[in-house]
Amino acid sequence: MARDMSDIDILKMELEQLKKEVSTPREPVSKTSKDTMDWCEAASCTDLLITGVPDDKNPYKPEKGGWKNIMLYLHRNTWQTYCSYVSLFTGLKRLKLERRNRRDVH
């Protein structure tokens, strides 16, 4: 759209937009922030992010037992074991390199 318009037309559109923005009523931040804080405090008793979802109404509540939880448990533990082995391996490799460097220096 802007390709079809001349520079003057584009500047006129920008001027109209600026006039709209200037005429928009403004309120001080101190008032709007107080209103926002009051609204948050009033809604906090029903906010699920603060109060949490009751177990009987939670559709995503994990099942007790079951193969999904077993697979998730195995996956987490396998990943933790893998990370432990990687950190152990890198530590041993670093130690081996330090010993080799000490031998080469002496």
PDB file of N, CA and C in Angstrom:
ATOM      1  N   MET A   1       0.825  -1.187   0.000  1.00  0.00           N
ATOM      2  CA  MET A   1       0.000   0.000   0.000  1.00  0.00           C
ATOM      3  C   MET A   1       0.869   1.251   0.000  1.00  0.00           C
ATOM      4  N   ALA A   2       1.930   1.241   0.818  1.00  0.00           N
ATOM      5  CA  ALA A   2       2.779   2.420   0.917  1.00  0.00           C
ATOM      6  C   ALA A   2       3.560   2.639  -0.369  1.00  0.00           C
ATOM      7  N   ARG A   3       3.764   1.597  -1.167  1.00  0.00           N
ATOM      8  CA  ARG A   3       4.494   1.749  -2.435  1.00  0.00           C
ATOM      9  C   ARG A   3       3.695   2.579  -3.434  1.00  0.00           C
ATOM     10  N   ASP A   4       2.379   2.477  -3.378  1.00  0.00           N
ATOM     11  CA  ASP A   4       1.516   3.176  -4.319  1.00  0.00           C
ATOM     12  C   ASP A   4       1.310   4.642  -3.938  1.00  0.00           C
ATOM     13  N   MET A   5       1.728   5.018  -2.740  1.00  0.00           N
ATOM     14  CA  MET A   5       1.457   6.368  -2.242  1.00  0.00           C
ATOM     15  C   MET A   5       2.694   7.237  -2.410  1.00  0.00           C
ATOM     16  N   SER A   6       2.466   8.517  -2.596  1.00  0.00           N
ATOM     17  CA  SER A   6       3.587   9.454  -2.674  1.00  0.00           C
ATOM     18  C   SER A   6       4.073   9.779  -1.262  1.00  0.00           C
ATOM     19  N   ASP A   7       5.215  10.416  -1.189  1.00  0.00           N
ATOM     20  CA  ASP A   7       5.771  10.791   0.111  1.00  0.00           C
ATOM     21  C   ASP A   7       4.827  11.732   0.868  1.00  0.00           C
ATOM     22  N   ILE A   8       4.164  12.606   0.141  1.00  0.00           N
ATOM     23  CA  ILE A   8       3.239  13.551   0.778  1.00  0.00           C
ATOM     24  C   ILE A   8       2.062  12.802   1.398  1.00  0.00           C
ATOM     25  N   ASP A   9       1.543  11.796   0.673  1.00  0.00           N
ATOM     26  CA  ASP A   9       0.422  11.019   1.206  1.00  0.00           C
ATOM     27  C   ASP A   9       0.831  10.255   2.468  1.00  0.00           C
ATOM     28  N   ILE A  10       2.030   9.720   2.450  1.00  0.00           N
ATOM     29  CA  ILE A  10       2.520   8.986   3.631  1.00  0.00           C
ATOM     30  C   ILE A  10       2.660   9.929   4.820  1.00  0.00           C
ATOM     31  N   LEU A  11       3.202  11.120   4.571  1.00  0.00           N
ATOM     32  CA  LEU A  11       3.347  12.098   5.659  1.00  0.00           C
ATOM     33  C   LEU A  11       1.989  12.549   6.189  1.00  0.00           C
ATOM     34  N   LYS A  12       1.005  12.675   5.303  1.00  0.00           N
ATOM     35  CA  LYS A  12      -0.341  13.040   5.751  1.00  0.00           C
ATOM     36  C   LYS A  12      -0.927  11.952   6.646  1.00  0.00           C
ATOM     37  N   MET A  13      -0.718  10.689   6.265  1.00  0.00           N
ATOM     38  CA  MET A  13      -1.212   9.587   7.100  1.00  0.00           C
ATOM     39  C   MET A  13      -0.550   9.598   8.470  1.00  0.00           C
ATOM     40  N   GLU A  14       0.769   9.837   8.489  1.00  0.00           N
ATOM     41  CA  GLU A  14       1.485   9.893   9.766  1.00  0.00           C
ATOM     42  C   GLU A  14       0.968  11.041  10.624  1.00  0.00           C
ATOM     43  N   LEU A  15       0.696  12.188   9.978  1.00  0.00           N
ATOM     44  CA  LEU A  15       0.175  13.344  10.710  1.00  0.00           C
ATOM     45  C   LEU A  15      -1.196  13.039  11.304  1.00  0.00           C
ATOM     46  N   GLU A  16      -2.064  12.379  10.553  1.00  0.00           N
ATOM     47  CA  GLU A  16      -3.384  12.006  11.069  1.00  0.00           C
ATOM     48  C   GLU A  16      -3.256  11.055  12.260  1.00  0.00           C
ATOM     49  N   GLN A  17      -2.334  10.100  12.159  1.00  0.00           N
ATOM     50  CA  GLN A  17      -2.137   9.162  13.267  1.00  0.00           C
ATOM     51  C   GLN A  17      -1.640   9.895  14.511  1.00  0.00           C
ATOM     52  N   LEU A  18      -0.699  10.806  14.328  1.00  0.00           N
ATOM     53  CA  LEU A  18      -0.190  11.571  15.473  1.00  0.00           C
ATOM     54  C   LEU A  18      -1.288  12.424  16.105  1.00  0.00           C
ATOM     55  N   LYS A  19      -2.172  12.999  15.286  1.00  0.00           N
ATOM     56  CA  LYS A  19      -3.279  13.794  15.827  1.00  0.00           C
ATOM     57  C   LYS A  19      -4.206  12.909  16.665  1.00  0.00           C
ATOM     58  N   LYS A  20      -4.443  11.669  16.207  1.00  0.00           N
ATOM     59  CA  LYS A  20      -5.280  10.742  16.976  1.00  0.00           C
ATOM     60  C   LYS A  20      -4.623  10.413  18.311  1.00  0.00           C
ATOM     61  N   GLU A  21      -3.308  10.180  18.265  1.00  0.00           N
ATOM     62  CA  GLU A  21      -2.598   9.816  19.497  1.00  0.00           C
ATOM     63  C   GLU A  21      -2.565  10.964  20.489  1.00  0.00           C
ATOM     64  N   VAL A  22      -2.445  12.190  20.000  1.00  0.00           N
ATOM     65  CA  VAL A  22      -2.415  13.353  20.887  1.00  0.00           C
ATOM     66  C   VAL A  22      -3.761  13.551  21.552  1.00  0.00           C
ATOM     67  N   SER A  23      -4.848  13.277  20.832  1.00  0.00           N
ATOM     68  CA  SER A  23      -6.178  13.505  21.396  1.00  0.00           C
ATOM     69  C   SER A  23      -6.636  12.374  22.321  1.00  0.00           C
ATOM     70  N   THR A  24      -5.878  11.313  22.419  1.00  0.00           N
ATOM     71  CA  THR A  24      -6.238  10.207  23.308  1.00  0.00           C
ATOM     72  C   THR A  24      -6.113  10.673  24.758  1.00  0.00           C
ATOM     73  N   PRO A  25      -7.152  10.474  25.574  1.00  0.00           N
ATOM     74  CA  PRO A  25      -7.068  10.911  26.974  1.00  0.00           C
ATOM     75  C   PRO A  25      -6.015  10.099  27.737  1.00  0.00           C
ATOM     76  N   ARG A  26      -5.266  10.767  28.557  1.00  0.00           N
ATOM     77  CA  ARG A  26      -4.185  10.140  29.337  1.00  0.00           C
ATOM     78  C   ARG A  26      -4.507  10.220  30.817  1.00  0.00           C
ATOM     79  N   GLU A  27      -3.992   9.238  31.567  1.00  0.00           N
ATOM     80  CA  GLU A  27      -4.126   9.267  33.024  1.00  0.00           C
ATOM     81  C   GLU A  27      -2.747   9.079  33.631  1.00  0.00           C
ATOM     82  N   PRO A  28      -2.515   9.652  34.790  1.00  0.00           N
ATOM     83  CA  PRO A  28      -1.192   9.494  35.403  1.00  0.00           C
ATOM     84  C   PRO A  28      -0.938   8.040  35.802  1.00  0.00           C
ATOM     85  N   VAL A  29       0.316   7.660  35.712  1.00  0.00           N
ATOM     86  CA  VAL A  29       0.707   6.283  36.033  1.00  0.00           C
ATOM     87  C   VAL A  29       0.403   5.961  37.493  1.00  0.00           C
ATOM     88  N   SER A  30       0.534   6.928  38.363  1.00  0.00           N
ATOM     89  CA  SER A  30       0.276   6.678  39.783  1.00  0.00           C
ATOM     90  C   SER A  30      -1.165   6.214  40.009  1.00  0.00           C
ATOM     91  N   LYS A  31      -2.107   6.788  39.275  1.00  0.00           N
ATOM     92  CA  LYS A  31      -3.506   6.387  39.423  1.00  0.00           C
ATOM     93  C   LYS A  31      -3.753   5.022  38.794  1.00  0.00           C
ATOM     94  N   THR A  32      -3.261   4.820  37.580  1.00  0.00           N
ATOM     95  CA  THR A  32      -3.516   3.552  36.903  1.00  0.00           C
ATOM     96  C   THR A  32      -2.812   2.388  37.593  1.00  0.00           C
ATOM     97  N   SER A  33      -1.620   2.623  38.133  1.00  0.00           N
ATOM     98  CA  SER A  33      -0.934   1.532  38.833  1.00  0.00           C
ATOM     99  C   SER A  33      -1.666   1.173  40.125  1.00  0.00           C
ATOM    100  N   LYS A  34      -2.220   2.179  40.819  1.00  0.00           N
ATOM    101  CA  LYS A  34      -2.991   1.885  42.035  1.00  0.00           C
ATOM    102  C   LYS A  34      -4.245   1.084  41.681  1.00  0.00           C
ATOM    103  N   ASP A  35      -4.924   1.483  40.603  1.00  0.00           N
ATOM    104  CA  ASP A  35      -6.110   0.739  40.159  1.00  0.00           C
ATOM    105  C   ASP A  35      -5.747  -0.702  39.800  1.00  0.00           C
ATOM    106  N   THR A  36      -4.638  -0.876  39.125  1.00  0.00           N
ATOM    107  CA  THR A  36      -4.200  -2.220  38.736  1.00  0.00           C
ATOM    108  C   THR A  36      -3.877  -3.064  39.962  1.00  0.00           C
ATOM    109  N   MET A  37      -3.191  -2.464  40.943  1.00  0.00           N
ATOM    110  CA  MET A  37      -2.856  -3.194  42.170  1.00  0.00           C
ATOM    111  C   MET A  37      -4.117  -3.580  42.936  1.00  0.00           C
ATOM    112  N   ASP A  38      -5.080  -2.670  43.007  1.00  0.00           N
ATOM    113  CA  ASP A  38      -6.342  -2.973  43.691  1.00  0.00           C
ATOM    114  C   ASP A  38      -7.076  -4.113  43.002  1.00  0.00           C
ATOM    115  N   TRP A  39      -7.107  -4.081  41.675  1.00  0.00           N
ATOM    116  CA  TRP A  39      -7.785  -5.147  40.926  1.00  0.00           C
ATOM    117  C   TRP A  39      -7.095  -6.492  41.149  1.00  0.00           C
ATOM    118  N   CYS A  40      -5.771  -6.497  41.148  1.00  0.00           N
ATOM    119  CA  CYS A  40      -5.020  -7.747  41.367  1.00  0.00           C
ATOM    120  C   CYS A  40      -5.297  -8.314  42.757  1.00  0.00           C
ATOM    121  N   GLU A  41      -5.309  -7.451  43.766  1.00  0.00           N
ATOM    122  CA  GLU A  41      -5.581  -7.920  45.123  1.00  0.00           C
ATOM    123  C   GLU A  41      -6.999  -8.444  45.258  1.00  0.00           C
ATOM    124  N   ALA A  42      -7.963  -7.801  44.575  1.00  0.00           N
ATOM    125  CA  ALA A  42      -9.351  -8.253  44.648  1.00  0.00           C
ATOM    126  C   ALA A  42      -9.534  -9.590  43.934  1.00  0.00           C
ATOM    127  N   ALA A  43      -8.792  -9.819  42.868  1.00  0.00           N
ATOM    128  CA  ALA A  43      -8.944 -11.050  42.082  1.00  0.00           C
ATOM    129  C   ALA A  43      -8.020 -12.169  42.547  1.00  0.00           C
ATOM    130  N   SER A  44      -7.157 -11.896  43.509  1.00  0.00           N
ATOM    131  CA  SER A  44      -6.163 -12.894  43.898  1.00  0.00           C
ATOM    132  C   SER A  44      -6.783 -14.136  44.551  1.00  0.00           C
ATOM    133  N   CYS A  45      -7.940 -13.989  45.188  1.00  0.00           N
ATOM    134  CA  CYS A  45      -8.546 -15.145  45.853  1.00  0.00           C
ATOM    135  C   CYS A  45      -9.107 -16.139  44.840  1.00  0.00           C
ATOM    136  N   THR A  46      -9.387 -15.686  43.624  1.00  0.00           N
ATOM    137  CA  THR A  46      -9.914 -16.602  42.604  1.00  0.00           C
ATOM    138  C   THR A  46      -8.895 -16.910  41.514  1.00  0.00           C
ATOM    139  N   ASP A  47      -7.691 -16.349  41.617  1.00  0.00           N
ATOM    140  CA  ASP A  47      -6.667 -16.564  40.600  1.00  0.00           C
ATOM    141  C   ASP A  47      -6.031 -17.940  40.797  1.00  0.00           C
ATOM    142  N   LEU A  48      -6.160 -18.791  39.793  1.00  0.00           N
ATOM    143  CA  LEU A  48      -5.647 -20.156  39.907  1.00  0.00           C
ATOM    144  C   LEU A  48      -4.127 -20.210  39.926  1.00  0.00           C
ATOM    145  N   LEU A  49      -3.470 -19.185  39.396  1.00  0.00           N
ATOM    146  CA  LEU A  49      -2.011 -19.166  39.457  1.00  0.00           C
ATOM    147  C   LEU A  49      -1.515 -18.915  40.878  1.00  0.00           C
ATOM    148  N   ILE A  50      -2.346 -18.288  41.700  1.00  0.00           N
ATOM    149  CA  ILE A  50      -1.963 -18.025  43.090  1.00  0.00           C
ATOM    150  C   ILE A  50      -2.477 -19.120  44.006  1.00  0.00           C
ATOM    151  N   THR A  51      -3.753 -19.476  43.859  1.00  0.00           N
ATOM    152  CA  THR A  51      -4.341 -20.454  44.777  1.00  0.00           C
ATOM    153  C   THR A  51      -4.084 -21.892  44.357  1.00  0.00           C
ATOM    154  N   GLY A  52      -3.830 -22.130  43.074  1.00  0.00           N
ATOM    155  CA  GLY A  52      -3.639 -23.493  42.588  1.00  0.00           C
ATOM    156  C   GLY A  52      -4.973 -24.130  42.219  1.00  0.00           C
ATOM    157  N   VAL A  53      -4.877 -25.229  41.506  1.00  0.00           N
ATOM    158  CA  VAL A  53      -6.077 -25.942  41.064  1.00  0.00           C
ATOM    159  C   VAL A  53      -6.330 -27.083  42.040  1.00  0.00           C
ATOM    160  N   PRO A  54      -7.560 -27.209  42.549  1.00  0.00           N
ATOM    161  CA  PRO A  54      -7.847 -28.336  43.436  1.00  0.00           C
ATOM    162  C   PRO A  54      -7.661 -29.667  42.694  1.00  0.00           C
ATOM    163  N   ASP A  55      -7.189 -30.677  43.416  1.00  0.00           N
ATOM    164  CA  ASP A  55      -6.916 -31.973  42.792  1.00  0.00           C
ATOM    165  C   ASP A  55      -8.141 -32.582  42.139  1.00  0.00           C
ATOM    166  N   ASP A  56      -9.307 -32.387  42.731  1.00  0.00           N
ATOM    167  CA  ASP A  56     -10.506 -33.003  42.153  1.00  0.00           C
ATOM    168  C   ASP A  56     -10.971 -32.300  40.876  1.00  0.00           C
ATOM    169  N   LYS A  57     -10.483 -31.066  40.617  1.00  0.00           N
ATOM    170  CA  LYS A  57     -10.887 -30.344  39.408  1.00  0.00           C
ATOM    171  C   LYS A  57      -9.756 -30.248  38.383  1.00  0.00           C
ATOM    172  N   ASN A  58      -8.614 -30.826  38.661  1.00  0.00           N
ATOM    173  CA  ASN A  58      -7.459 -30.722  37.785  1.00  0.00           C
ATOM    174  C   ASN A  58      -7.485 -31.834  36.736  1.00  0.00           C
ATOM    175  N   PRO A  59      -7.753 -31.489  35.465  1.00  0.00           N
ATOM    176  CA  PRO A  59      -7.779 -32.534  34.440  1.00  0.00           C
ATOM    177  C   PRO A  59      -6.382 -33.057  34.102  1.00  0.00           C
ATOM    178  N   TYR A  60      -5.332 -32.347  34.486  1.00  0.00           N
ATOM    179  CA  TYR A  60      -3.970 -32.753  34.168  1.00  0.00           C
ATOM    180  C   TYR A  60      -3.266 -33.411  35.343  1.00  0.00           C
ATOM    181  N   LYS A  61      -3.996 -33.741  36.371  1.00  0.00           N
ATOM    182  CA  LYS A  61      -3.409 -34.381  37.536  1.00  0.00           C
ATOM    183  C   LYS A  61      -2.817 -35.728  37.113  1.00  0.00           C
ATOM    184  N   PRO A  62      -1.567 -35.986  37.476  1.00  0.00           N
ATOM    185  CA  PRO A  62      -0.966 -37.262  37.073  1.00  0.00           C
ATOM    186  C   PRO A  62      -1.656 -38.436  37.760  1.00  0.00           C
ATOM    187  N   GLU A  63      -1.733 -39.524  37.022  1.00  0.00           N
ATOM    188  CA  GLU A  63      -2.348 -40.717  37.584  1.00  0.00           C
ATOM    189  C   GLU A  63      -1.401 -41.349  38.605  1.00  0.00           C
ATOM    190  N   LYS A  64      -1.975 -42.047  39.548  1.00  0.00           N
ATOM    191  CA  LYS A  64      -1.149 -42.778  40.506  1.00  0.00           C
ATOM    192  C   LYS A  64      -0.707 -44.063  39.814  1.00  0.00           C
ATOM    193  N   GLY A  65       0.596 -44.265  39.752  1.00  0.00           N
ATOM    194  CA  GLY A  65       1.105 -45.460  39.081  1.00  0.00           C
ATOM    195  C   GLY A  65       0.879 -45.365  37.594  1.00  0.00           C
ATOM    196  N   GLY A  66       0.746 -46.479  36.939  1.00  0.00           N
ATOM    197  CA  GLY A  66       0.511 -46.473  35.506  1.00  0.00           C
ATOM    198  C   GLY A  66       1.806 -46.406  34.724  1.00  0.00           C
ATOM    199  N   TRP A  67       1.755 -46.841  33.488  1.00  0.00           N
ATOM    200  CA  TRP A  67       2.974 -46.919  32.691  1.00  0.00           C
ATOM    201  C   TRP A  67       3.508 -45.551  32.307  1.00  0.00           C
ATOM    202  N   LYS A  68       2.641 -44.514  32.209  1.00  0.00           N
ATOM    203  CA  LYS A  68       3.126 -43.183  31.842  1.00  0.00           C
ATOM    204  C   LYS A  68       4.067 -42.644  32.914  1.00  0.00           C
ATOM    205  N   ASN A  69       3.677 -42.784  34.165  1.00  0.00           N
ATOM    206  CA  ASN A  69       4.529 -42.293  35.251  1.00  0.00           C
ATOM    207  C   ASN A  69       5.813 -43.101  35.349  1.00  0.00           C
ATOM    208  N   ILE A  70       5.712 -44.400  35.103  1.00  0.00           N
ATOM    209  CA  ILE A  70       6.924 -45.235  35.145  1.00  0.00           C
ATOM    210  C   ILE A  70       7.888 -44.793  34.046  1.00  0.00           C
ATOM    211  N   MET A  71       7.363 -44.560  32.841  1.00  0.00           N
ATOM    212  CA  MET A  71       8.224 -44.131  31.731  1.00  0.00           C
ATOM    213  C   MET A  71       8.832 -42.759  32.021  1.00  0.00           C
ATOM    214  N   LEU A  72       8.039 -41.855  32.584  1.00  0.00           N
ATOM    215  CA  LEU A  72       8.554 -40.538  32.922  1.00  0.00           C
ATOM    216  C   LEU A  72       9.648 -40.650  33.979  1.00  0.00           C
ATOM    217  N   TYR A  73       9.435 -41.494  34.989  1.00  0.00           N
ATOM    218  CA  TYR A  73      10.427 -41.696  36.037  1.00  0.00           C
ATOM    219  C   TYR A  73      11.719 -42.253  35.439  1.00  0.00           C
ATOM    220  N   LEU A  74      11.585 -43.263  34.585  1.00  0.00           N
ATOM    221  CA  LEU A  74      12.778 -43.858  33.972  1.00  0.00           C
ATOM    222  C   LEU A  74      13.500 -42.848  33.087  1.00  0.00           C
ATOM    223  N   HIS A  75      12.725 -42.066  32.357  1.00  0.00           N
ATOM    224  CA  HIS A  75      13.344 -41.073  31.483  1.00  0.00           C
ATOM    225  C   HIS A  75      14.133 -40.056  32.299  1.00  0.00           C
ATOM    226  N   ARG A  76      13.526 -39.543  33.372  1.00  0.00           N
ATOM    227  CA  ARG A  76      14.223 -38.553  34.201  1.00  0.00           C
ATOM    228  C   ARG A  76      15.473 -39.158  34.820  1.00  0.00           C
ATOM    229  N   ASN A  77      15.341 -40.359  35.373  1.00  0.00           N
ATOM    230  CA  ASN A  77      16.503 -40.963  36.019  1.00  0.00           C
ATOM    231  C   ASN A  77      17.571 -41.330  35.009  1.00  0.00           C
ATOM    232  N   THR A  78      17.165 -41.782  33.827  1.00  0.00           N
ATOM    233  CA  THR A  78      18.149 -42.103  32.798  1.00  0.00           C
ATOM    234  C   THR A  78      18.895 -40.847  32.394  1.00  0.00           C
ATOM    235  N   TRP A  79      18.168 -39.741  32.231  1.00  0.00           N
ATOM    236  CA  TRP A  79      18.816 -38.492  31.856  1.00  0.00           C
ATOM    237  C   TRP A  79      19.762 -38.022  32.951  1.00  0.00           C
ATOM    238  N   GLN A  80      19.343 -38.125  34.211  1.00  0.00           N
ATOM    239  CA  GLN A  80      20.215 -37.723  35.312  1.00  0.00           C
ATOM    240  C   GLN A  80      21.455 -38.604  35.364  1.00  0.00           C
ATOM    241  N   THR A  81      21.272 -39.907  35.149  1.00  0.00           N
ATOM    242  CA  THR A  81      22.415 -40.818  35.146  1.00  0.00           C
ATOM    243  C   THR A  81      23.357 -40.471  34.005  1.00  0.00           C
ATOM    244  N   TYR A  82      22.811 -40.207  32.830  1.00  0.00           N
ATOM    245  CA  TYR A  82      23.622 -39.836  31.682  1.00  0.00           C
ATOM    246  C   TYR A  82      24.425 -38.577  31.982  1.00  0.00           C
ATOM    247  N   CYS A  83      23.756 -37.565  32.550  1.00  0.00           N
ATOM    248  CA  CYS A  83      24.453 -36.320  32.883  1.00  0.00           C
ATOM    249  C   CYS A  83      25.549 -36.568  33.913  1.00  0.00           C
ATOM    250  N   SER A  84      25.283 -37.454  34.872  1.00  0.00           N
ATOM    251  CA  SER A  84      26.300 -37.782  35.869  1.00  0.00           C
ATOM    252  C   SER A  84      27.501 -38.434  35.215  1.00  0.00           C
ATOM    253  N   TYR A  85      27.242 -39.368  34.301  1.00  0.00           N
ATOM    254  CA  TYR A  85      28.352 -40.040  33.612  1.00  0.00           C
ATOM    255  C   TYR A  85      29.134 -39.058  32.751  1.00  0.00           C
ATOM    256  N   VAL A  86      28.448 -38.159  32.099  1.00  0.00           N
ATOM    257  CA  VAL A  86      29.141 -37.175  31.259  1.00  0.00           C
ATOM    258  C   VAL A  86      30.030 -36.290  32.117  1.00  0.00           C
ATOM    259  N   SER A  87      29.505 -35.813  33.244  1.00  0.00           N
ATOM    260  CA  SER A  87      30.321 -34.947  34.097  1.00  0.00           C
ATOM    261  C   SER A  87      31.488 -35.724  34.700  1.00  0.00           C
ATOM    262  N   LEU A  88      31.257 -36.985  35.059  1.00  0.00           N
ATOM    263  CA  LEU A  88      32.346 -37.816  35.577  1.00  0.00           C
ATOM    264  C   LEU A  88      33.400 -38.031  34.508  1.00  0.00           C
ATOM    265  N   PHE A  89      32.974 -38.340  33.288  1.00  0.00           N
ATOM    266  CA  PHE A  89      33.902 -38.588  32.195  1.00  0.00           C
ATOM    267  C   PHE A  89      34.736 -37.353  31.890  1.00  0.00           C
ATOM    268  N   THR A  90      34.084 -36.172  31.833  1.00  0.00           N
ATOM    269  CA  THR A  90      34.829 -34.952  31.541  1.00  0.00           C
ATOM    270  C   THR A  90      35.790 -34.619  32.673  1.00  0.00           C
ATOM    271  N   GLY A  91      35.371 -34.897  33.909  1.00  0.00           N
ATOM    272  CA  GLY A  91      36.274 -34.664  35.039  1.00  0.00           C
ATOM    273  C   GLY A  91      37.484 -35.573  34.984  1.00  0.00           C
ATOM    274  N   LEU A  92      37.279 -36.856  34.663  1.00  0.00           N
ATOM    275  CA  LEU A  92      38.399 -37.786  34.543  1.00  0.00           C
ATOM    276  C   LEU A  92      39.300 -37.413  33.375  1.00  0.00           C
ATOM    277  N   LYS A  93      38.706 -37.000  32.288  1.00  0.00           N
ATOM    278  CA  LYS A  93      39.487 -36.597  31.129  1.00  0.00           C
ATOM    279  C   LYS A  93      40.347 -35.383  31.465  1.00  0.00           C
ATOM    280  N   ARG A  94      39.768 -34.415  32.188  1.00  0.00           N
ATOM    281  CA  ARG A  94      40.511 -33.230  32.598  1.00  0.00           C
ATOM    282  C   ARG A  94      41.663 -33.620  33.525  1.00  0.00           C
ATOM    283  N   LEU A  95      41.383 -34.528  34.479  1.00  0.00           N
ATOM    284  CA  LEU A  95      42.404 -34.987  35.399  1.00  0.00           C
ATOM    285  C   LEU A  95      43.535 -35.685  34.652  1.00  0.00           C
ATOM    286  N   LYS A  96      43.196 -36.522  33.689  1.00  0.00           N
ATOM    287  CA  LYS A  96      44.192 -37.227  32.893  1.00  0.00           C
ATOM    288  C   LYS A  96      45.059 -36.237  32.112  1.00  0.00           C
ATOM    289  N   LEU A  97      44.437 -35.211  31.538  1.00  0.00           N
ATOM    290  CA  LEU A  97      45.202 -34.206  30.804  1.00  0.00           C
ATOM    291  C   LEU A  97      46.121 -33.422  31.733  1.00  0.00           C
ATOM    292  N   GLU A  98      45.645 -33.115  32.946  1.00  0.00           N
ATOM    293  CA  GLU A  98      46.489 -32.395  33.904  1.00  0.00           C
ATOM    294  C   GLU A  98      47.699 -33.230  34.287  1.00  0.00           C
ATOM    295  N   ARG A  99      47.494 -34.525  34.525  1.00  0.00           N
ATOM    296  CA  ARG A  99      48.617 -35.404  34.858  1.00  0.00           C
ATOM    297  C   ARG A  99      49.608 -35.490  33.702  1.00  0.00           C
ATOM    298  N   ARG A 100      49.090 -35.593  32.489  1.00  0.00           N
ATOM    299  CA  ARG A 100      49.957 -35.688  31.314  1.00  0.00           C
ATOM    300  C   ARG A 100      50.754 -34.391  31.159  1.00  0.00           C
ATOM    301  N   ASN A 101      50.105 -33.248  31.395  1.00  0.00           N
ATOM    302  CA  ASN A 101      50.803 -31.970  31.288  1.00  0.00           C
ATOM    303  C   ASN A 101      51.874 -31.832  32.352  1.00  0.00           C
ATOM    304  N   ARG A 102      51.596 -32.346  33.557  1.00  0.00           N
ATOM    305  CA  ARG A 102      52.606 -32.293  34.619  1.00  0.00           C
ATOM    306  C   ARG A 102      53.817 -33.157  34.260  1.00  0.00           C
ATOM    307  N   ARG A 103      53.572 -34.323  33.674  1.00  0.00           N
ATOM    308  CA  ARG A 103      54.674 -35.204  33.265  1.00  0.00           C
ATOM    309  C   ARG A 103      55.494 -34.541  32.177  1.00  0.00           C
ATOM    310  N   ASP A 104      54.850 -33.868  31.237  1.00  0.00           N
ATOM    311  CA  ASP A 104      55.564 -33.247  30.138  1.00  0.00           C
ATOM    312  C   ASP A 104      56.398 -32.068  30.611  1.00  0.00           C
ATOM    313  N   VAL A 105      55.957 -31.380  31.662  1.00  0.00           N
ATOM    314  CA  VAL A 105      56.694 -30.223  32.180  1.00  0.00           C
ATOM    315  C   VAL A 105      57.967 -30.684  32.896  1.00  0.00           C
ATOM    316  N   HIS A 106      57.862 -31.757  33.665  1.00  0.00           N
ATOM    317  CA  HIS A 106      59.025 -32.212  34.454  1.00  0.00           C
ATOM    318  C   HIS A 106      59.947 -32.963  33.612  1.00  0.00           C
TER     319      HIS A 106
END
